[in-house]
Structure formats: C-alpha cells, structure tokens
Amino acid sequence: MPMTVRHEGGNVYRLEVHGTLSKLELERGQNVLIDDLGRVGPVRLLFLLEGFEGWAPDDDWHDLTFYVKYGDAIERIAIVGDEKWRSQSLMFAGADLRKGPVEFFSPEKAAAARAWLST
C-alpha cells in the first residue's frame, strides 16, 4: 500500500507515502482523517515521503472537495522527503492557500519536522 495513516497521539497523524501515490490511496487516507476529525478535532499532519515516486499521472487530481470541506481542520502540515519533491509537494499540499502553515524538511531534519508540528 503506497500510503498509510497512523495516529501518533494527541492530534498528530503520520502519513507514510511510498512509491507512486494514486488518487484512490489518497482518498483512503483522507477518509481515515475524516473519521477522526469529529473525535480529535483539528489535526497536525506529518507526511513522510519514503521511496516516493510521485503522483499517478493518469489520475484526476483536480478534485478539491476534501480541501474545501476539511482544510481548516488541518492546523499544520510537515512534509519530510527528498529535496527533489519540495516544490511539487508544497504545491500539492496547497501551502500558499491554507490557513495553517505547511513546511518541507529533508530526511535528516525529520526530528525538526516533528518539533515544528508541536509548536
């Protein structure tokens, strides 16, 4: 499975993304978050891009339903991955459009990403 979602405690969720991410896998992860938002409240997300190869090119990535409906319930997003994915992942996360901040960290800065999420 290219994406797994794990509740790390409090309002922090770790999303591990491997290989090529499909729209279906993203929606499955979003559904896990939707189910927990009512119980946990606003969340903070840690994306770990490990062995990430990008987004499935033939999938329709234009659907913004999750972002419009639940975007404000995401307080912060930290993305940890290879530098080559920095600009694309920040754009995919809607970094400049969100109320909550989104930051990118290289793998050696994973501890800093976790610390930043808790501030």
Protein backbone atom coordinates (compact mmCIF):
# COMPACT_ATOMS: atom_id res chain seq x y z
CA MET A 1 0.00 0.00 0.00
CA PRO A 2 1.55 3.32 -1.10
CA MET A 3 0.05 5.34 1.79
CA THR A 4 -0.56 4.53 5.43
CA VAL A 5 -2.12 6.76 8.08
CA ARG A 6 -1.29 6.33 11.75
CA HIS A 7 -2.49 8.32 14.74
CA GLU A 8 0.65 9.15 16.73
CA GLY A 9 -1.16 10.62 19.71
CA GLY A 10 -2.92 13.84 20.54
CA ASN A 11 -3.84 15.47 17.27
CA VAL A 12 -0.79 14.34 15.27
CA TYR A 13 -1.11 11.89 12.38
CA ARG A 14 1.78 10.31 10.46
CA LEU A 15 1.16 9.62 6.78
CA GLU A 16 3.79 7.48 5.10
CA VAL A 17 3.83 7.63 1.32
CA HIS A 18 5.81 5.10 -0.74
CA GLY A 19 6.06 4.60 -4.48
CA THR A 20 3.52 6.28 -6.73
CA LEU A 21 0.52 7.76 -4.95
CA SER A 22 -2.84 7.16 -6.61
CA LYS A 23 -5.96 9.26 -6.12
CA LEU A 24 -7.70 6.20 -4.60
CA GLU A 25 -4.94 5.78 -1.97
CA LEU A 26 -5.09 9.48 -1.13
CA GLU A 27 -8.87 9.27 -0.70
CA ARG A 28 -8.50 6.27 1.61
CA GLY A 29 -6.10 8.28 3.78
CA GLN A 30 -8.42 11.27 3.75
CA ASN A 31 -11.31 9.05 4.88
CA VAL A 32 -9.30 7.91 7.92
CA LEU A 33 -8.75 11.56 8.83
CA ILE A 34 -12.40 12.47 8.25
CA ASP A 35 -13.50 9.68 10.59
CA ASP A 36 -11.19 11.00 13.33
CA LEU A 37 -11.76 14.76 12.93
CA GLY A 38 -15.03 14.65 14.86
CA ARG A 39 -13.34 12.88 17.76
CA VAL A 40 -9.89 14.53 17.76
CA GLY A 41 -10.70 17.98 16.42
CA PRO A 42 -8.15 19.92 14.35
CA VAL A 43 -5.15 17.79 13.34
CA ARG A 44 -1.49 18.18 12.51
CA LEU A 45 -0.04 16.03 9.74
CA LEU A 46 3.43 14.60 9.29
CA PHE A 47 3.96 13.32 5.75
CA LEU A 48 6.94 11.01 5.32
CA LEU A 49 7.83 10.59 1.65
CA GLU A 50 9.98 7.45 1.69
CA GLY A 51 10.80 5.93 -1.68
CA PHE A 52 8.27 8.36 -3.11
CA GLU A 53 7.98 8.34 -6.90
CA GLY A 54 5.30 10.97 -7.39
CA TRP A 55 1.61 11.07 -8.17
CA ALA A 56 -0.15 8.70 -10.57
CA PRO A 57 -0.10 10.70 -13.82
CA ASP A 58 -3.41 9.41 -15.19
CA ASP A 59 -5.47 10.17 -12.07
CA ASP A 60 -7.73 13.24 -11.82
CA TRP A 61 -6.09 15.44 -9.19
CA HIS A 62 -8.40 18.43 -9.69
CA ASP A 63 -10.96 17.43 -7.03
CA LEU A 64 -10.68 19.90 -4.15
CA THR A 65 -13.64 18.62 -2.11
CA PHE A 66 -11.52 17.45 0.85
CA TYR A 67 -9.54 20.70 0.93
CA VAL A 68 -12.68 22.89 0.78
CA LYS A 69 -14.60 20.91 3.40
CA TYR A 70 -11.81 19.95 5.83
CA GLY A 71 -8.86 22.21 5.02
CA ASP A 72 -9.38 24.47 8.03
CA ALA A 73 -9.33 21.42 10.34
CA ILE A 74 -5.66 20.88 9.50
CA GLU A 75 -3.57 23.11 11.75
CA ARG A 76 -0.12 22.29 10.34
CA ILE A 77 1.49 20.06 7.74
CA ALA A 78 5.13 18.96 7.87
CA ILE A 79 6.43 17.15 4.79
CA VAL A 80 9.65 15.14 5.06
CA GLY A 81 11.17 13.96 1.82
CA ASP A 82 13.87 14.13 -0.80
CA GLU A 83 14.63 17.69 -1.82
CA LYS A 84 13.57 16.96 -5.42
CA TRP A 85 9.93 16.79 -4.19
CA ARG A 86 9.99 20.10 -2.29
CA SER A 87 8.19 22.43 -4.70
CA GLN A 88 5.75 19.85 -6.06
CA SER A 89 4.73 18.57 -2.63
CA LEU A 90 4.26 22.10 -1.25
CA MET A 91 2.13 22.95 -4.27
CA PHE A 92 0.16 19.69 -3.91
CA ALA A 93 -0.46 20.47 -0.22
CA GLY A 94 -1.75 23.94 -1.14
CA ALA A 95 0.89 25.55 1.06
CA ASP A 96 0.17 29.10 -0.09
CA LEU A 97 -3.61 28.67 0.13
CA ARG A 98 -4.04 27.15 3.60
CA LYS A 99 -4.69 28.99 6.84
CA GLY A 100 -2.34 26.59 8.62
CA PRO A 101 1.36 26.59 7.76
CA VAL A 102 3.00 23.92 5.61
CA GLU A 103 6.75 23.28 5.79
CA PHE A 104 9.09 20.94 3.93
CA PHE A 105 12.01 19.17 5.64
CA SER A 106 14.77 16.98 4.25
CA PRO A 107 15.00 13.44 5.72
CA GLU A 108 17.88 14.36 8.04
CA LYS A 109 15.62 17.05 9.55
CA ALA A 110 12.78 14.65 10.47
CA ALA A 111 13.22 15.40 14.18
CA ALA A 112 12.94 19.12 13.43
CA ALA A 113 9.73 18.44 11.48
CA ARG A 114 8.22 16.67 14.50
CA ALA A 115 9.30 19.52 16.80
CA TRP A 116 7.83 22.10 14.41
CA LEU A 117 4.50 20.24 14.40
CA SER A 118 4.27 20.58 18.18
CA THR A 119 4.85 24.37 18.25
